[in-house]
Amino acid sequence: MKKFLLLLATVFGALAIQKKLKAQKAEQELWAEATDQPGTL
């Protein structure tokens, strides 16, 4: 039972990290797009 709970915690932790990294990448791409061509507002 303890191994199963440890496995679940590991999976949820990995999913949370993956979600955070995707959000950071999306924000970085948004900023890159917004600042890529100055003067096009």
PDB file of N, CA and C in Angstrom:
ATOM      1  N   MET A   1       0.822  -1.198   0.000  1.00  0.00           N
ATOM      2  CA  MET A   1       0.000   0.000   0.000  1.00  0.00           C
ATOM      3  C   MET A   1       0.870   1.269   0.000  1.00  0.00           C
ATOM      4  N   LYS A   2       1.933   1.239   0.770  1.00  0.00           N
ATOM      5  CA  LYS A   2       2.810   2.415   0.827  1.00  0.00           C
ATOM      6  C   LYS A   2       3.485   2.657  -0.517  1.00  0.00           C
ATOM      7  N   LYS A   3       3.848   1.571  -1.197  1.00  0.00           N
ATOM      8  CA  LYS A   3       4.478   1.725  -2.512  1.00  0.00           C
ATOM      9  C   LYS A   3       3.503   2.335  -3.504  1.00  0.00           C
ATOM     10  N   PHE A   4       2.245   1.924  -3.409  1.00  0.00           N
ATOM     11  CA  PHE A   4       1.217   2.468  -4.305  1.00  0.00           C
ATOM     12  C   PHE A   4       1.025   3.957  -4.066  1.00  0.00           C
ATOM     13  N   LEU A   5       0.975   4.358  -2.801  1.00  0.00           N
ATOM     14  CA  LEU A   5       0.820   5.778  -2.480  1.00  0.00           C
ATOM     15  C   LEU A   5       2.033   6.575  -2.943  1.00  0.00           C
ATOM     16  N   LEU A   6       3.211   6.000  -2.796  1.00  0.00           N
ATOM     17  CA  LEU A   6       4.422   6.657  -3.261  1.00  0.00           C
ATOM     18  C   LEU A   6       4.386   6.809  -4.784  1.00  0.00           C
ATOM     19  N   LEU A   7       3.925   5.771  -5.467  1.00  0.00           N
ATOM     20  CA  LEU A   7       3.795   5.831  -6.919  1.00  0.00           C
ATOM     21  C   LEU A   7       2.801   6.916  -7.338  1.00  0.00           C
ATOM     22  N   LEU A   8       1.665   6.973  -6.647  1.00  0.00           N
ATOM     23  CA  LEU A   8       0.671   8.007  -6.950  1.00  0.00           C
ATOM     24  C   LEU A   8       1.239   9.409  -6.730  1.00  0.00           C
ATOM     25  N   ALA A   9       1.941   9.588  -5.628  1.00  0.00           N
ATOM     26  CA  ALA A   9       2.532  10.892  -5.341  1.00  0.00           C
ATOM     27  C   ALA A   9       3.558  11.267  -6.404  1.00  0.00           C
ATOM     28  N   THR A  10       4.329  10.295  -6.862  1.00  0.00           N
ATOM     29  CA  THR A  10       5.322  10.542  -7.905  1.00  0.00           C
ATOM     30  C   THR A  10       4.650  10.942  -9.209  1.00  0.00           C
ATOM     31  N   VAL A  11       3.595  10.219  -9.569  1.00  0.00           N
ATOM     32  CA  VAL A  11       2.875  10.520 -10.814  1.00  0.00           C
ATOM     33  C   VAL A  11       2.265  11.910 -10.750  1.00  0.00           C
ATOM     34  N   PHE A  12       1.595  12.231  -9.655  1.00  0.00           N
ATOM     35  CA  PHE A  12       0.976  13.552  -9.533  1.00  0.00           C
ATOM     36  C   PHE A  12       2.029  14.652  -9.514  1.00  0.00           C
ATOM     37  N   GLY A  13       3.152  14.398  -8.895  1.00  0.00           N
ATOM     38  CA  GLY A  13       4.241  15.377  -8.882  1.00  0.00           C
ATOM     39  C   GLY A  13       4.781  15.617 -10.282  1.00  0.00           C
ATOM     40  N   ALA A  14       4.967  14.526 -11.031  1.00  0.00           N
ATOM     41  CA  ALA A  14       5.469  14.653 -12.400  1.00  0.00           C
ATOM     42  C   ALA A  14       4.471  15.409 -13.273  1.00  0.00           C
ATOM     43  N   LEU A  15       3.194  15.125 -13.100  1.00  0.00           N
ATOM     44  CA  LEU A  15       2.173  15.835 -13.880  1.00  0.00           C
ATOM     45  C   LEU A  15       2.139  17.322 -13.527  1.00  0.00           C
ATOM     46  N   ALA A  16       2.289  17.631 -12.265  1.00  0.00           N
ATOM     47  CA  ALA A  16       2.293  19.033 -11.841  1.00  0.00           C
ATOM     48  C   ALA A  16       3.495  19.765 -12.425  1.00  0.00           C
ATOM     49  N   ILE A  17       4.655  19.118 -12.420  1.00  0.00           N
ATOM     50  CA  ILE A  17       5.855  19.735 -12.991  1.00  0.00           C
ATOM     51  C   ILE A  17       5.688  19.933 -14.493  1.00  0.00           C
ATOM     52  N   GLN A  18       5.120  18.929 -15.163  1.00  0.00           N
ATOM     53  CA  GLN A  18       4.901  19.031 -16.607  1.00  0.00           C
ATOM     54  C   GLN A  18       3.949  20.186 -16.922  1.00  0.00           C
ATOM     55  N   LYS A  19       2.891  20.317 -16.140  1.00  0.00           N
ATOM     56  CA  LYS A  19       1.936  21.401 -16.352  1.00  0.00           C
ATOM     57  C   LYS A  19       2.597  22.764 -16.143  1.00  0.00           C
ATOM     58  N   LYS A  20       3.423  22.861 -15.120  1.00  0.00           N
ATOM     59  CA  LYS A  20       4.119  24.123 -14.834  1.00  0.00           C
ATOM     60  C   LYS A  20       5.072  24.474 -15.971  1.00  0.00           C
ATOM     61  N   LEU A  21       5.803  23.485 -16.475  1.00  0.00           N
ATOM     62  CA  LEU A  21       6.745  23.739 -17.566  1.00  0.00           C
ATOM     63  C   LEU A  21       6.013  24.165 -18.836  1.00  0.00           C
ATOM     64  N   LYS A  22       4.867  23.547 -19.114  1.00  0.00           N
ATOM     65  CA  LYS A  22       4.079  23.942 -20.290  1.00  0.00           C
ATOM     66  C   LYS A  22       3.598  25.377 -20.160  1.00  0.00           C
ATOM     67  N   ALA A  23       3.159  25.742 -18.962  1.00  0.00           N
ATOM     68  CA  ALA A  23       2.683  27.107 -18.731  1.00  0.00           C
ATOM     69  C   ALA A  23       3.822  28.107 -18.906  1.00  0.00           C
ATOM     70  N   GLN A  24       5.001  27.762 -18.397  1.00  0.00           N
ATOM     71  CA  GLN A  24       6.148  28.656 -18.539  1.00  0.00           C
ATOM     72  C   GLN A  24       6.535  28.807 -20.010  1.00  0.00           C
ATOM     73  N   LYS A  25       6.487  27.711 -20.759  1.00  0.00           N
ATOM     74  CA  LYS A  25       6.841  27.767 -22.171  1.00  0.00           C
ATOM     75  C   LYS A  25       5.824  28.615 -22.931  1.00  0.00           C
ATOM     76  N   ALA A  26       4.540  28.440 -22.624  1.00  0.00           N
ATOM     77  CA  ALA A  26       3.508  29.223 -23.295  1.00  0.00           C
ATOM     78  C   ALA A  26       3.678  30.706 -22.992  1.00  0.00           C
ATOM     79  N   GLU A  27       3.999  31.029 -21.749  1.00  0.00           N
ATOM     80  CA  GLU A  27       4.203  32.436 -21.382  1.00  0.00           C
ATOM     81  C   GLU A  27       5.427  33.000 -22.093  1.00  0.00           C
ATOM     82  N   GLN A  28       6.491  32.206 -22.177  1.00  0.00           N
ATOM     83  CA  GLN A  28       7.705  32.647 -22.863  1.00  0.00           C
ATOM     84  C   GLN A  28       7.418  32.905 -24.342  1.00  0.00           C
ATOM     85  N   GLU A  29       6.658  32.020 -24.972  1.00  0.00           N
ATOM     86  CA  GLU A  29       6.312  32.203 -26.384  1.00  0.00           C
ATOM     87  C   GLU A  29       5.449  33.442 -26.579  1.00  0.00           C
ATOM     88  N   LEU A  30       4.534  33.674 -25.634  1.00  0.00           N
ATOM     89  CA  LEU A  30       3.683  34.856 -25.720  1.00  0.00           C
ATOM     90  C   LEU A  30       4.520  36.124 -25.623  1.00  0.00           C
ATOM     91  N   TRP A  31       5.449  36.163 -24.669  1.00  0.00           N
ATOM     92  CA  TRP A  31       6.314  37.333 -24.531  1.00  0.00           C
ATOM     93  C   TRP A  31       7.207  37.510 -25.751  1.00  0.00           C
ATOM     94  N   ALA A  32       7.697  36.407 -26.297  1.00  0.00           N
ATOM     95  CA  ALA A  32       8.544  36.497 -27.490  1.00  0.00           C
ATOM     96  C   ALA A  32       7.753  37.071 -28.656  1.00  0.00           C
ATOM     97  N   GLU A  33       6.506  36.631 -28.779  1.00  0.00           N
ATOM     98  CA  GLU A  33       5.657  37.142 -29.861  1.00  0.00           C
ATOM     99  C   GLU A  33       5.331  38.615 -29.648  1.00  0.00           C
ATOM    100  N   ALA A  34       5.057  38.985 -28.406  1.00  0.00           N
ATOM    101  CA  ALA A  34       4.673  40.352 -28.099  1.00  0.00           C
ATOM    102  C   ALA A  34       5.837  41.322 -28.278  1.00  0.00           C
ATOM    103  N   THR A  35       7.040  40.861 -28.053  1.00  0.00           N
ATOM    104  CA  THR A  35       8.190  41.755 -28.117  1.00  0.00           C
ATOM    105  C   THR A  35       9.018  41.537 -29.373  1.00  0.00           C
ATOM    106  N   ASP A  36       8.573  40.668 -30.267  1.00  0.00           N
ATOM    107  CA  ASP A  36       9.345  40.321 -31.448  1.00  0.00           C
ATOM    108  C   ASP A  36       9.441  41.477 -32.438  1.00  0.00           C
ATOM    109  N   GLN A  37       8.321  42.153 -32.683  1.00  0.00           N
ATOM    110  CA  GLN A  37       8.280  43.208 -33.685  1.00  0.00           C
ATOM    111  C   GLN A  37       7.843  44.515 -33.046  1.00  0.00           C
ATOM    112  N   PRO A  38       8.788  45.318 -32.594  1.00  0.00           N
ATOM    113  CA  PRO A  38       8.410  46.575 -31.944  1.00  0.00           C
ATOM    114  C   PRO A  38       7.763  47.542 -32.931  1.00  0.00           C
ATOM    115  N   GLY A  39       6.824  48.277 -32.425  1.00  0.00           N
ATOM    116  CA  GLY A  39       6.176  49.288 -33.255  1.00  0.00           C
ATOM    117  C   GLY A  39       5.009  48.774 -34.085  1.00  0.00           C
ATOM    118  N   THR A  40       4.530  47.566 -33.822  1.00  0.00           N
ATOM    119  CA  THR A  40       3.419  47.028 -34.608  1.00  0.00           C
ATOM    120  C   THR A  40       2.137  46.995 -33.801  1.00  0.00           C
ATOM    121  N   LEU A  41       2.019  47.842 -32.795  1.00  0.00           N
ATOM    122  CA  LEU A  41       0.807  47.857 -31.991  1.00  0.00           C
ATOM    123  C   LEU A  41      -0.328  48.372 -32.760  1.00  0.00           C
TER     124      LEU A  41
END
